[in-house]
Amino acid sequence: MLAYDPTTNPLNNNEWSFPVAECIHIVGFALSIGTIAIVDLRLLGLGMKHQSAAQLAKDMAPWTLAGLAIMLTSGPVIFSSDPRMYLYNQSFRFKIACLLVAILYNYTIHRKVALSDHPSPALGVVVGGLSLALWLGVVAAGLFIAFV
């Protein structure tokens, strides 16, 4: 049986490779979560009132997708640096669970409400608030990976 040896991973053999991979990962989630948050804040009625949530969602969609693509490709690269540590880390598992639910939610319920012509304000608050909470869970759990 072959065992994975983290010492052979290039991310662990160069002092700059892991931090660069993390920076790329952070840029990806800043782009994706930032654009989603703009739509969420509009759904909550807290900003960008000159544009509808539908228009913002359409305008932000390519940027959100680009950010998700960066995040979802750089994340496994970082994971490969020490898979055993990540798999046993409760914060990492919570992050992945939140991430899966947040992505699924974003491309189903959130998208349907955001792209509707005139969602009720109460529905916008619930949908935008839940979206922000899920993405905040992803970010917070990611930060706590180092401390658990």
C-alpha atoms as a PDB file:
ATOM      1  CA  MET A   1       0.000   0.000   0.000  1.00  0.00           C
ATOM      2  CA  LEU A   2       1.286   3.444  -0.905  1.00  0.00           C
ATOM      3  CA  ALA A   3       1.164   6.061   1.808  1.00  0.00           C
ATOM      4  CA  TYR A   4       1.078   9.747   1.038  1.00  0.00           C
ATOM      5  CA  ASP A   5       4.174  11.521   2.298  1.00  0.00           C
ATOM      6  CA  PRO A   6       3.606  15.286   2.749  1.00  0.00           C
ATOM      7  CA  THR A   7       7.364  15.904   2.670  1.00  0.00           C
ATOM      8  CA  THR A   8       7.392  15.086  -1.046  1.00  0.00           C
ATOM      9  CA  ASN A   9       4.764  17.716  -1.887  1.00  0.00           C
ATOM     10  CA  PRO A  10       6.268  20.773  -3.640  1.00  0.00           C
ATOM     11  CA  LEU A  11       4.205  23.068  -1.397  1.00  0.00           C
ATOM     12  CA  ASN A  12       6.162  21.749   1.576  1.00  0.00           C
ATOM     13  CA  ASN A  13       9.598  22.000  -0.028  1.00  0.00           C
ATOM     14  CA  ASN A  14       9.717  25.671  -0.917  1.00  0.00           C
ATOM     15  CA  GLU A  15       9.207  28.517   1.520  1.00  0.00           C
ATOM     16  CA  TRP A  16       7.160  30.560  -0.981  1.00  0.00           C
ATOM     17  CA  SER A  17       4.931  27.992  -2.655  1.00  0.00           C
ATOM     18  CA  PHE A  18       2.430  27.450   0.179  1.00  0.00           C
ATOM     19  CA  PRO A  19       1.951  31.174   0.928  1.00  0.00           C
ATOM     20  CA  VAL A  20       1.519  31.888  -2.795  1.00  0.00           C
ATOM     21  CA  ALA A  21      -1.093  29.124  -3.064  1.00  0.00           C
ATOM     22  CA  GLU A  22      -2.897  30.579  -0.039  1.00  0.00           C
ATOM     23  CA  CYS A  23      -2.842  34.074  -1.553  1.00  0.00           C
ATOM     24  CA  ILE A  24      -4.353  32.755  -4.772  1.00  0.00           C
ATOM     25  CA  HIS A  25      -6.994  30.938  -2.717  1.00  0.00           C
ATOM     26  CA  ILE A  26      -7.808  34.123  -0.777  1.00  0.00           C
ATOM     27  CA  VAL A  27      -8.115  36.134  -3.995  1.00  0.00           C
ATOM     28  CA  GLY A  28     -10.539  33.509  -5.307  1.00  0.00           C
ATOM     29  CA  PHE A  29     -12.791  33.557  -2.290  1.00  0.00           C
ATOM     30  CA  ALA A  30     -12.603  37.351  -1.959  1.00  0.00           C
ATOM     31  CA  LEU A  31     -13.787  37.616  -5.547  1.00  0.00           C
ATOM     32  CA  SER A  32     -16.541  35.025  -5.254  1.00  0.00           C
ATOM     33  CA  ILE A  33     -17.780  35.818  -1.763  1.00  0.00           C
ATOM     34  CA  GLY A  34     -17.395  39.552  -2.331  1.00  0.00           C
ATOM     35  CA  THR A  35     -19.606  39.518  -5.405  1.00  0.00           C
ATOM     36  CA  ILE A  36     -22.163  37.281  -3.715  1.00  0.00           C
ATOM     37  CA  ALA A  37     -22.164  39.624  -0.700  1.00  0.00           C
ATOM     38  CA  ILE A  38     -22.935  42.596  -2.962  1.00  0.00           C
ATOM     39  CA  VAL A  39     -26.074  40.811  -4.162  1.00  0.00           C
ATOM     40  CA  ASP A  40     -26.914  39.727  -0.607  1.00  0.00           C
ATOM     41  CA  LEU A  41     -26.620  43.260   0.721  1.00  0.00           C
ATOM     42  CA  ARG A  42     -28.945  44.425  -2.043  1.00  0.00           C
ATOM     43  CA  LEU A  43     -31.424  41.690  -1.103  1.00  0.00           C
ATOM     44  CA  LEU A  44     -31.193  42.911   2.487  1.00  0.00           C
ATOM     45  CA  GLY A  45     -31.930  46.442   1.283  1.00  0.00           C
ATOM     46  CA  LEU A  46     -28.600  47.741   2.602  1.00  0.00           C
ATOM     47  CA  GLY A  47     -26.901  48.985  -0.524  1.00  0.00           C
ATOM     48  CA  MET A  48     -26.776  49.457  -4.278  1.00  0.00           C
ATOM     49  CA  LYS A  49     -30.377  50.671  -4.282  1.00  0.00           C
ATOM     50  CA  HIS A  50     -29.980  52.205  -7.735  1.00  0.00           C
ATOM     51  CA  GLN A  51     -29.829  48.678  -9.221  1.00  0.00           C
ATOM     52  CA  SER A  52     -32.135  45.738  -8.766  1.00  0.00           C
ATOM     53  CA  ALA A  53     -30.890  42.540  -7.183  1.00  0.00           C
ATOM     54  CA  ALA A  54     -31.555  40.829 -10.518  1.00  0.00           C
ATOM     55  CA  GLN A  55     -29.312  43.245 -12.409  1.00  0.00           C
ATOM     56  CA  LEU A  56     -26.573  42.959  -9.800  1.00  0.00           C
ATOM     57  CA  ALA A  57     -26.776  39.156  -9.862  1.00  0.00           C
ATOM     58  CA  LYS A  58     -26.435  39.171 -13.662  1.00  0.00           C
ATOM     59  CA  ASP A  59     -23.548  41.654 -13.574  1.00  0.00           C
ATOM     60  CA  MET A  60     -21.688  39.793 -10.828  1.00  0.00           C
ATOM     61  CA  ALA A  61     -22.239  36.251 -12.155  1.00  0.00           C
ATOM     62  CA  PRO A  62     -19.069  36.004 -14.297  1.00  0.00           C
ATOM     63  CA  TRP A  63     -16.919  37.398 -11.471  1.00  0.00           C
ATOM     64  CA  THR A  64     -18.497  35.059  -8.944  1.00  0.00           C
ATOM     65  CA  LEU A  65     -17.870  32.091 -11.209  1.00  0.00           C
ATOM     66  CA  ALA A  66     -14.261  33.149 -11.826  1.00  0.00           C
ATOM     67  CA  GLY A  67     -13.679  33.477  -8.089  1.00  0.00           C
ATOM     68  CA  LEU A  68     -15.231  30.075  -7.423  1.00  0.00           C
ATOM     69  CA  ALA A  69     -13.074  28.514 -10.147  1.00  0.00           C
ATOM     70  CA  ILE A  70      -9.913  29.995  -8.604  1.00  0.00           C
ATOM     71  CA  MET A  71     -10.978  28.965  -5.107  1.00  0.00           C
ATOM     72  CA  LEU A  72     -12.014  25.446  -6.115  1.00  0.00           C
ATOM     73  CA  THR A  73      -8.741  24.792  -7.937  1.00  0.00           C
ATOM     74  CA  SER A  74      -6.382  26.340  -5.386  1.00  0.00           C
ATOM     75  CA  GLY A  75      -8.137  24.710  -2.408  1.00  0.00           C
ATOM     76  CA  PRO A  76      -7.278  21.124  -3.382  1.00  0.00           C
ATOM     77  CA  VAL A  77      -3.695  22.210  -4.057  1.00  0.00           C
ATOM     78  CA  ILE A  78      -3.458  23.515  -0.483  1.00  0.00           C
ATOM     79  CA  PHE A  79      -5.239  20.393   0.797  1.00  0.00           C
ATOM     80  CA  SER A  80      -2.601  18.232  -0.911  1.00  0.00           C
ATOM     81  CA  SER A  81       0.101  19.724   1.320  1.00  0.00           C
ATOM     82  CA  ASP A  82      -1.127  17.626   4.274  1.00  0.00           C
ATOM     83  CA  PRO A  83      -4.400  15.781   3.579  1.00  0.00           C
ATOM     84  CA  ARG A  84      -4.352  13.823   6.827  1.00  0.00           C
ATOM     85  CA  MET A  85      -4.113  16.989   8.929  1.00  0.00           C
ATOM     86  CA  TYR A  86      -6.998  18.581   7.006  1.00  0.00           C
ATOM     87  CA  LEU A  87      -9.209  15.501   7.133  1.00  0.00           C
ATOM     88  CA  TYR A  88      -8.886  15.280  10.914  1.00  0.00           C
ATOM     89  CA  ASN A  89      -9.382  19.010  11.428  1.00  0.00           C
ATOM     90  CA  GLN A  90     -12.928  19.845  12.600  1.00  0.00           C
ATOM     91  CA  SER A  91     -12.737  23.385  11.225  1.00  0.00           C
ATOM     92  CA  PHE A  92     -11.785  22.076   7.797  1.00  0.00           C
ATOM     93  CA  ARG A  93     -14.689  19.633   7.778  1.00  0.00           C
ATOM     94  CA  PHE A  94     -17.071  22.398   8.867  1.00  0.00           C
ATOM     95  CA  LYS A  95     -15.664  24.662   6.129  1.00  0.00           C
ATOM     96  CA  ILE A  96     -16.227  22.050   3.439  1.00  0.00           C
ATOM     97  CA  ALA A  97     -19.770  21.357   4.680  1.00  0.00           C
ATOM     98  CA  CYS A  98     -20.594  25.089   4.663  1.00  0.00           C
ATOM     99  CA  LEU A  99     -18.946  25.476   1.260  1.00  0.00           C
ATOM    100  CA  LEU A 100     -21.000  22.696  -0.313  1.00  0.00           C
ATOM    101  CA  VAL A 101     -24.251  24.011   1.158  1.00  0.00           C
ATOM    102  CA  ALA A 102     -23.357  27.627   0.237  1.00  0.00           C
ATOM    103  CA  ILE A 103     -22.583  26.766  -3.392  1.00  0.00           C
ATOM    104  CA  LEU A 104     -25.704  24.648  -3.728  1.00  0.00           C
ATOM    105  CA  TYR A 105     -27.799  27.372  -2.085  1.00  0.00           C
ATOM    106  CA  ASN A 106     -26.218  30.105  -4.227  1.00  0.00           C
ATOM    107  CA  TYR A 107     -27.042  28.384  -7.505  1.00  0.00           C
ATOM    108  CA  THR A 108     -30.570  27.334  -6.530  1.00  0.00           C
ATOM    109  CA  ILE A 109     -32.685  29.277  -4.038  1.00  0.00           C
ATOM    110  CA  HIS A 110     -30.468  32.372  -3.868  1.00  0.00           C
ATOM    111  CA  ARG A 111     -30.253  32.640  -7.646  1.00  0.00           C
ATOM    112  CA  LYS A 112     -33.999  32.194  -8.123  1.00  0.00           C
ATOM    113  CA  VAL A 113     -34.841  34.904  -5.597  1.00  0.00           C
ATOM    114  CA  ALA A 114     -32.095  37.294  -6.722  1.00  0.00           C
ATOM    115  CA  LEU A 115     -33.096  37.002 -10.381  1.00  0.00           C
ATOM    116  CA  SER A 116     -36.814  37.418  -9.749  1.00  0.00           C
ATOM    117  CA  ASP A 117     -38.249  40.751 -10.825  1.00  0.00           C
ATOM    118  CA  HIS A 118     -39.580  41.898  -7.470  1.00  0.00           C
ATOM    119  CA  PRO A 119     -38.882  39.571  -4.547  1.00  0.00           C
ATOM    120  CA  SER A 120     -40.719  40.471  -1.370  1.00  0.00           C
ATOM    121  CA  PRO A 121     -38.510  42.398   1.043  1.00  0.00           C
ATOM    122  CA  ALA A 122     -38.984  39.743   3.728  1.00  0.00           C
ATOM    123  CA  LEU A 123     -37.918  36.965   1.355  1.00  0.00           C
ATOM    124  CA  GLY A 124     -34.893  39.022   0.286  1.00  0.00           C
ATOM    125  CA  VAL A 125     -33.854  39.464   3.914  1.00  0.00           C
ATOM    126  CA  VAL A 126     -34.154  35.738   4.657  1.00  0.00           C
ATOM    127  CA  VAL A 127     -32.378  34.608   1.489  1.00  0.00           C
ATOM    128  CA  GLY A 128     -29.644  37.258   1.646  1.00  0.00           C
ATOM    129  CA  GLY A 129     -29.105  36.738   5.367  1.00  0.00           C
ATOM    130  CA  LEU A 130     -28.808  32.975   5.054  1.00  0.00           C
ATOM    131  CA  SER A 131     -26.399  33.345   2.151  1.00  0.00           C
ATOM    132  CA  LEU A 132     -24.189  35.725   4.122  1.00  0.00           C
ATOM    133  CA  ALA A 133     -24.273  33.382   7.125  1.00  0.00           C
ATOM    134  CA  LEU A 134     -23.203  30.384   5.018  1.00  0.00           C
ATOM    135  CA  TRP A 135     -20.324  32.253   3.375  1.00  0.00           C
ATOM    136  CA  LEU A 136     -19.276  33.724   6.713  1.00  0.00           C
ATOM    137  CA  GLY A 137     -19.163  30.142   8.023  1.00  0.00           C
ATOM    138  CA  VAL A 138     -16.840  29.173   5.166  1.00  0.00           C
ATOM    139  CA  VAL A 139     -14.471  32.065   5.872  1.00  0.00           C
ATOM    140  CA  ALA A 140     -14.526  31.721   9.675  1.00  0.00           C
ATOM    141  CA  ALA A 141     -13.928  27.978   9.551  1.00  0.00           C
ATOM    142  CA  GLY A 142     -11.094  28.518   7.090  1.00  0.00           C
ATOM    143  CA  LEU A 143      -9.443  30.931   9.502  1.00  0.00           C
ATOM    144  CA  PHE A 144      -9.810  28.490  12.393  1.00  0.00           C
ATOM    145  CA  ILE A 145      -8.152  25.607  10.529  1.00  0.00           C
ATOM    146  CA  ALA A 146      -4.793  26.829  11.786  1.00  0.00           C
ATOM    147  CA  PHE A 147      -5.971  26.926  15.408  1.00  0.00           C
ATOM    148  CA  VAL A 148      -7.629  23.528  15.763  1.00  0.00           C
END
